[in-house]
């Protein structure tokens, strides 16, 4: 039962961080952490017989999300797409800095 309590605290802290950073609240992101932590804890404890602590369930959930987000980012080719968007958005600023760098040399 403690697993739900600790995962809810983690979700609530993540909700506060996302709101302070993006000024947006996502109910799916808020519900994702407790559900994944509980599922990991359940599968490890009842299906495989490992009695893992809550900390390990939280850690495995973070690792799972890190790997999942990395795979999605690679699949969507985010680096190249965002790099081109950045160059287009800040084209004038980029050109000014390049001109200054050339003048220094």
N, C-alpha and C. Protein backbone atom coordinates (compact mmCIF):
# COMPACT_ATOMS: atom_id res chain seq x y z
N UNK A 1 0.81 -1.19 0.00
CA UNK A 1 0.00 0.00 0.00
C UNK A 1 0.86 1.26 0.00
N UNK A 2 2.06 1.16 0.57
CA UNK A 2 2.96 2.31 0.59
C UNK A 2 3.40 2.71 -0.81
N UNK A 3 3.40 1.75 -1.73
CA UNK A 3 3.85 2.04 -3.09
C UNK A 3 2.99 3.14 -3.72
N UNK A 4 1.69 3.09 -3.52
CA UNK A 4 0.80 4.10 -4.09
C UNK A 4 1.06 5.46 -3.45
N UNK A 5 1.30 5.47 -2.14
CA UNK A 5 1.57 6.72 -1.43
C UNK A 5 2.84 7.39 -1.96
N UNK A 6 3.94 6.65 -2.04
CA UNK A 6 5.21 7.23 -2.48
C UNK A 6 5.17 7.61 -3.96
N UNK A 7 4.51 6.82 -4.77
CA UNK A 7 4.41 7.17 -6.19
C UNK A 7 3.53 8.39 -6.39
N UNK A 8 2.53 8.55 -5.55
CA UNK A 8 1.68 9.74 -5.64
C UNK A 8 2.46 11.00 -5.25
N UNK A 9 3.33 10.89 -4.26
CA UNK A 9 4.17 12.03 -3.90
C UNK A 9 5.07 12.41 -5.07
N UNK A 10 5.66 11.40 -5.72
CA UNK A 10 6.51 11.66 -6.88
C UNK A 10 5.73 12.32 -8.00
N UNK A 11 4.50 11.85 -8.23
CA UNK A 11 3.66 12.45 -9.28
C UNK A 11 3.29 13.89 -8.93
N UNK A 12 2.96 14.13 -7.68
CA UNK A 12 2.59 15.48 -7.28
C UNK A 12 3.75 16.45 -7.42
N UNK A 13 4.95 16.02 -7.05
CA UNK A 13 6.12 16.88 -7.22
C UNK A 13 6.40 17.13 -8.71
N UNK A 14 6.21 16.12 -9.54
CA UNK A 14 6.37 16.30 -10.98
C UNK A 14 5.33 17.25 -11.55
N UNK A 15 4.10 17.18 -11.03
CA UNK A 15 3.04 18.08 -11.46
C UNK A 15 3.40 19.53 -11.13
N UNK A 16 3.91 19.75 -9.94
CA UNK A 16 4.32 21.11 -9.54
C UNK A 16 5.45 21.61 -10.44
N UNK A 17 6.42 20.74 -10.72
CA UNK A 17 7.54 21.14 -11.58
C UNK A 17 7.06 21.47 -12.99
N UNK A 18 6.20 20.63 -13.56
CA UNK A 18 5.70 20.89 -14.91
C UNK A 18 4.89 22.17 -14.97
N UNK A 19 4.08 22.43 -13.94
CA UNK A 19 3.30 23.66 -13.95
C UNK A 19 4.20 24.88 -13.83
N UNK A 20 5.23 24.80 -12.99
CA UNK A 20 6.12 25.94 -12.85
C UNK A 20 6.96 26.18 -14.10
N UNK A 21 7.26 25.11 -14.84
CA UNK A 21 8.09 25.26 -16.02
C UNK A 21 7.27 25.58 -17.27
N UNK A 22 6.16 24.86 -17.47
CA UNK A 22 5.39 24.99 -18.72
C UNK A 22 4.05 25.71 -18.55
N UNK A 23 3.64 25.95 -17.31
CA UNK A 23 2.34 26.57 -17.01
C UNK A 23 1.20 25.74 -17.62
N UNK A 24 1.35 24.43 -17.51
CA UNK A 24 0.37 23.51 -18.07
C UNK A 24 0.30 22.28 -17.17
N UNK A 25 -0.93 21.80 -16.94
CA UNK A 25 -1.12 20.59 -16.13
C UNK A 25 -1.63 19.49 -17.04
N UNK A 26 -0.96 18.35 -17.00
CA UNK A 26 -1.36 17.20 -17.80
C UNK A 26 -1.80 16.06 -16.88
N UNK A 27 -3.10 15.73 -16.89
CA UNK A 27 -3.58 14.65 -16.03
C UNK A 27 -2.98 13.29 -16.39
N UNK A 28 -2.67 13.07 -17.65
CA UNK A 28 -2.10 11.78 -18.04
C UNK A 28 -0.69 11.62 -17.50
N UNK A 29 0.10 12.69 -17.52
CA UNK A 29 1.44 12.62 -16.94
C UNK A 29 1.37 12.45 -15.43
N UNK A 30 0.36 13.06 -14.82
CA UNK A 30 0.20 12.95 -13.37
C UNK A 30 -0.16 11.52 -12.97
N UNK A 31 -0.98 10.86 -13.76
CA UNK A 31 -1.42 9.49 -13.44
C UNK A 31 -0.42 8.44 -13.89
N UNK A 32 0.46 8.78 -14.80
CA UNK A 32 1.38 7.80 -15.38
C UNK A 32 2.35 7.20 -14.36
N UNK A 33 2.95 8.02 -13.51
CA UNK A 33 3.96 7.52 -12.56
C UNK A 33 3.39 6.53 -11.55
N UNK A 34 2.28 6.84 -10.87
CA UNK A 34 1.78 5.84 -9.92
C UNK A 34 1.35 4.54 -10.58
N UNK A 35 0.76 4.65 -11.76
CA UNK A 35 0.31 3.43 -12.45
C UNK A 35 1.51 2.58 -12.85
N UNK A 36 2.53 3.20 -13.46
CA UNK A 36 3.71 2.43 -13.86
C UNK A 36 4.46 1.85 -12.66
N UNK A 37 4.60 2.64 -11.61
CA UNK A 37 5.30 2.14 -10.41
C UNK A 37 4.55 0.96 -9.80
N UNK A 38 3.24 1.07 -9.71
CA UNK A 38 2.46 -0.01 -9.15
C UNK A 38 2.55 -1.26 -10.03
N UNK A 39 2.50 -1.08 -11.34
CA UNK A 39 2.61 -2.23 -12.24
C UNK A 39 3.98 -2.89 -12.12
N UNK A 40 5.04 -2.11 -12.07
CA UNK A 40 6.39 -2.68 -11.93
C UNK A 40 6.50 -3.42 -10.60
N UNK A 41 6.01 -2.80 -9.54
CA UNK A 41 6.06 -3.44 -8.22
C UNK A 41 5.24 -4.73 -8.21
N UNK A 42 4.06 -4.69 -8.81
CA UNK A 42 3.19 -5.87 -8.87
C UNK A 42 3.85 -7.00 -9.65
N UNK A 43 4.37 -6.68 -10.84
CA UNK A 43 4.98 -7.73 -11.67
C UNK A 43 6.21 -8.33 -11.00
N UNK A 44 7.03 -7.49 -10.40
CA UNK A 44 8.23 -8.01 -9.76
C UNK A 44 7.90 -8.83 -8.51
N UNK A 45 6.90 -8.40 -7.76
CA UNK A 45 6.58 -9.07 -6.50
C UNK A 45 5.74 -10.33 -6.70
N UNK A 46 4.71 -10.25 -7.49
CA UNK A 46 3.76 -11.35 -7.57
C UNK A 46 4.01 -12.30 -8.74
N UNK A 47 4.50 -11.80 -9.83
CA UNK A 47 4.73 -12.70 -10.97
C UNK A 47 6.11 -13.33 -10.95
N UNK A 48 7.11 -12.58 -10.51
CA UNK A 48 8.48 -13.11 -10.52
C UNK A 48 8.98 -13.49 -9.14
N UNK A 49 8.25 -13.15 -8.09
CA UNK A 49 8.63 -13.54 -6.74
C UNK A 49 9.67 -12.68 -6.09
N UNK A 50 10.09 -11.59 -6.73
CA UNK A 50 11.07 -10.69 -6.13
C UNK A 50 10.34 -9.69 -5.24
N UNK A 51 10.80 -9.53 -4.05
CA UNK A 51 10.21 -8.56 -3.15
C UNK A 51 11.07 -7.30 -3.18
N UNK A 52 10.76 -6.40 -4.11
CA UNK A 52 11.56 -5.19 -4.28
C UNK A 52 11.00 -4.08 -3.42
N UNK A 53 11.85 -3.14 -3.07
CA UNK A 53 11.39 -2.01 -2.27
C UNK A 53 10.77 -0.96 -3.17
N UNK A 54 10.15 0.00 -2.55
CA UNK A 54 9.47 1.08 -3.26
C UNK A 54 10.48 1.91 -4.05
N UNK A 55 11.64 2.11 -3.48
CA UNK A 55 12.68 2.91 -4.15
C UNK A 55 13.07 2.27 -5.48
N UNK A 56 13.19 0.95 -5.49
CA UNK A 56 13.54 0.27 -6.74
C UNK A 56 12.43 0.39 -7.77
N UNK A 57 11.19 0.33 -7.33
CA UNK A 57 10.07 0.49 -8.26
C UNK A 57 10.10 1.88 -8.89
N UNK A 58 10.37 2.90 -8.07
CA UNK A 58 10.48 4.27 -8.61
C UNK A 58 11.66 4.39 -9.56
N UNK A 59 12.76 3.78 -9.20
CA UNK A 59 13.96 3.82 -10.04
C UNK A 59 13.73 3.12 -11.38
N UNK A 60 13.12 1.95 -11.34
CA UNK A 60 12.84 1.21 -12.58
C UNK A 60 11.85 1.96 -13.46
N UNK A 61 10.90 2.66 -12.85
CA UNK A 61 9.95 3.46 -13.62
C UNK A 61 10.68 4.59 -14.34
N UNK A 62 11.61 5.26 -13.67
CA UNK A 62 12.38 6.34 -14.29
C UNK A 62 13.24 5.80 -15.42
N UNK A 63 13.88 4.64 -15.21
CA UNK A 63 14.69 4.04 -16.27
C UNK A 63 13.83 3.68 -17.47
N UNK A 64 12.67 3.09 -17.22
CA UNK A 64 11.76 2.72 -18.30
C UNK A 64 11.36 3.95 -19.11
N UNK A 65 10.99 5.05 -18.41
CA UNK A 65 10.57 6.25 -19.13
C UNK A 65 11.74 6.89 -19.87
N UNK A 66 12.93 6.83 -19.31
CA UNK A 66 14.11 7.36 -20.00
C UNK A 66 14.36 6.61 -21.30
N UNK A 67 14.32 5.30 -21.25
CA UNK A 67 14.55 4.49 -22.45
C UNK A 67 13.43 4.72 -23.46
N UNK A 68 12.18 4.75 -23.01
CA UNK A 68 11.05 4.95 -23.91
C UNK A 68 11.13 6.31 -24.60
N UNK A 69 11.41 7.37 -23.85
CA UNK A 69 11.50 8.71 -24.45
C UNK A 69 12.68 8.83 -25.40
N UNK A 70 13.78 8.16 -25.09
CA UNK A 70 14.94 8.18 -25.99
C UNK A 70 14.61 7.49 -27.30
N UNK A 71 13.96 6.36 -27.24
CA UNK A 71 13.59 5.63 -28.46
C UNK A 71 12.62 6.45 -29.29
N UNK A 72 11.65 7.07 -28.66
CA UNK A 72 10.69 7.91 -29.39
C UNK A 72 11.40 9.11 -30.02
N UNK A 73 12.33 9.71 -29.31
CA UNK A 73 13.07 10.86 -29.84
C UNK A 73 13.91 10.46 -31.04
N UNK A 74 14.56 9.31 -30.96
CA UNK A 74 15.36 8.83 -32.10
C UNK A 74 14.45 8.52 -33.28
N UNK A 75 13.32 7.88 -33.02
CA UNK A 75 12.38 7.53 -34.09
C UNK A 75 11.84 8.78 -34.78
N UNK A 76 11.52 9.82 -34.01
CA UNK A 76 10.97 11.06 -34.59
C UNK A 76 12.04 12.00 -35.13
N UNK A 77 13.31 11.66 -34.96
CA UNK A 77 14.42 12.48 -35.45
C UNK A 77 14.34 13.90 -34.88
N UNK A 78 14.12 13.99 -33.58
CA UNK A 78 13.89 15.27 -32.91
C UNK A 78 15.07 16.22 -33.00
N UNK A 79 16.29 15.71 -32.91
CA UNK A 79 17.44 16.59 -32.89
C UNK A 79 17.53 17.40 -34.18
N UNK A 80 17.43 16.73 -35.31
CA UNK A 80 17.55 17.43 -36.59
C UNK A 80 16.39 18.38 -36.80
N UNK A 81 15.19 17.94 -36.47
CA UNK A 81 14.00 18.77 -36.67
C UNK A 81 14.06 20.02 -35.79
N UNK A 82 14.43 19.87 -34.53
CA UNK A 82 14.50 21.02 -33.65
C UNK A 82 15.70 21.92 -33.97
N UNK A 83 16.79 21.33 -34.46
CA UNK A 83 17.94 22.13 -34.84
C UNK A 83 17.60 23.05 -36.01
N UNK A 84 16.89 22.52 -37.00
CA UNK A 84 16.48 23.35 -38.13
C UNK A 84 15.48 24.42 -37.70
N UNK A 85 14.58 24.06 -36.81
CA UNK A 85 13.61 25.04 -36.30
C UNK A 85 14.32 26.16 -35.55
N UNK A 86 15.34 25.82 -34.77
CA UNK A 86 16.10 26.80 -34.02
C UNK A 86 16.84 27.75 -34.97
N UNK A 87 17.47 27.18 -36.01
CA UNK A 87 18.20 28.02 -36.97
C UNK A 87 17.25 28.97 -37.69
N UNK A 88 16.06 28.50 -38.02
CA UNK A 88 15.09 29.35 -38.71
C UNK A 88 14.56 30.45 -37.77
N UNK A 89 14.30 30.10 -36.54
CA UNK A 89 13.72 31.05 -35.59
C UNK A 89 14.71 32.16 -35.23
N UNK A 90 15.97 31.81 -35.05
CA UNK A 90 16.97 32.77 -34.62
C UNK A 90 17.99 33.09 -35.72
N UNK A 91 17.52 33.12 -36.95
CA UNK A 91 18.41 33.33 -38.09
C UNK A 91 19.15 34.66 -38.00
N UNK A 92 18.46 35.73 -37.69
CA UNK A 92 19.11 37.05 -37.63
C UNK A 92 20.13 37.11 -36.50
N UNK A 93 19.77 36.59 -35.35
CA UNK A 93 20.69 36.59 -34.21
C UNK A 93 21.91 35.72 -34.52
N UNK A 94 21.69 34.60 -35.15
CA UNK A 94 22.78 33.70 -35.52
C UNK A 94 23.73 34.36 -36.52
N UNK A 95 23.18 35.06 -37.50
CA UNK A 95 24.01 35.74 -38.49
C UNK A 95 24.83 36.86 -37.85
N UNK A 96 24.26 37.60 -36.91
CA UNK A 96 24.99 38.67 -36.23
C UNK A 96 26.16 38.12 -35.44
N UNK A 97 25.94 37.01 -34.73
CA UNK A 97 27.02 36.41 -33.95
C UNK A 97 28.12 35.89 -34.85
N UNK A 98 27.75 35.33 -35.98
CA UNK A 98 28.76 34.84 -36.91
C UNK A 98 29.57 35.99 -37.48
N UNK A 99 28.91 37.11 -37.78
CA UNK A 99 29.62 38.28 -38.28
C UNK A 99 30.60 38.82 -37.22
N UNK A 100 30.17 38.82 -35.97
CA UNK A 100 31.06 39.29 -34.90
C UNK A 100 32.26 38.36 -34.75
N UNK A 101 32.03 37.07 -34.87
CA UNK A 101 33.12 36.12 -34.74
C UNK A 101 34.12 36.27 -35.89
N UNK A 102 33.62 36.53 -37.08
CA UNK A 102 34.49 36.71 -38.23
C UNK A 102 35.34 37.97 -38.07
N UNK A 103 34.74 39.03 -37.54
CA UNK A 103 35.46 40.29 -37.35
C UNK A 103 36.56 40.14 -36.30
N UNK A 104 36.35 39.29 -35.32
CA UNK A 104 37.38 39.08 -34.30
C UNK A 104 38.59 38.35 -34.85
N UNK A 105 38.40 37.53 -35.83
CA UNK A 105 39.51 36.75 -36.39
C UNK A 105 40.25 37.62 -37.33
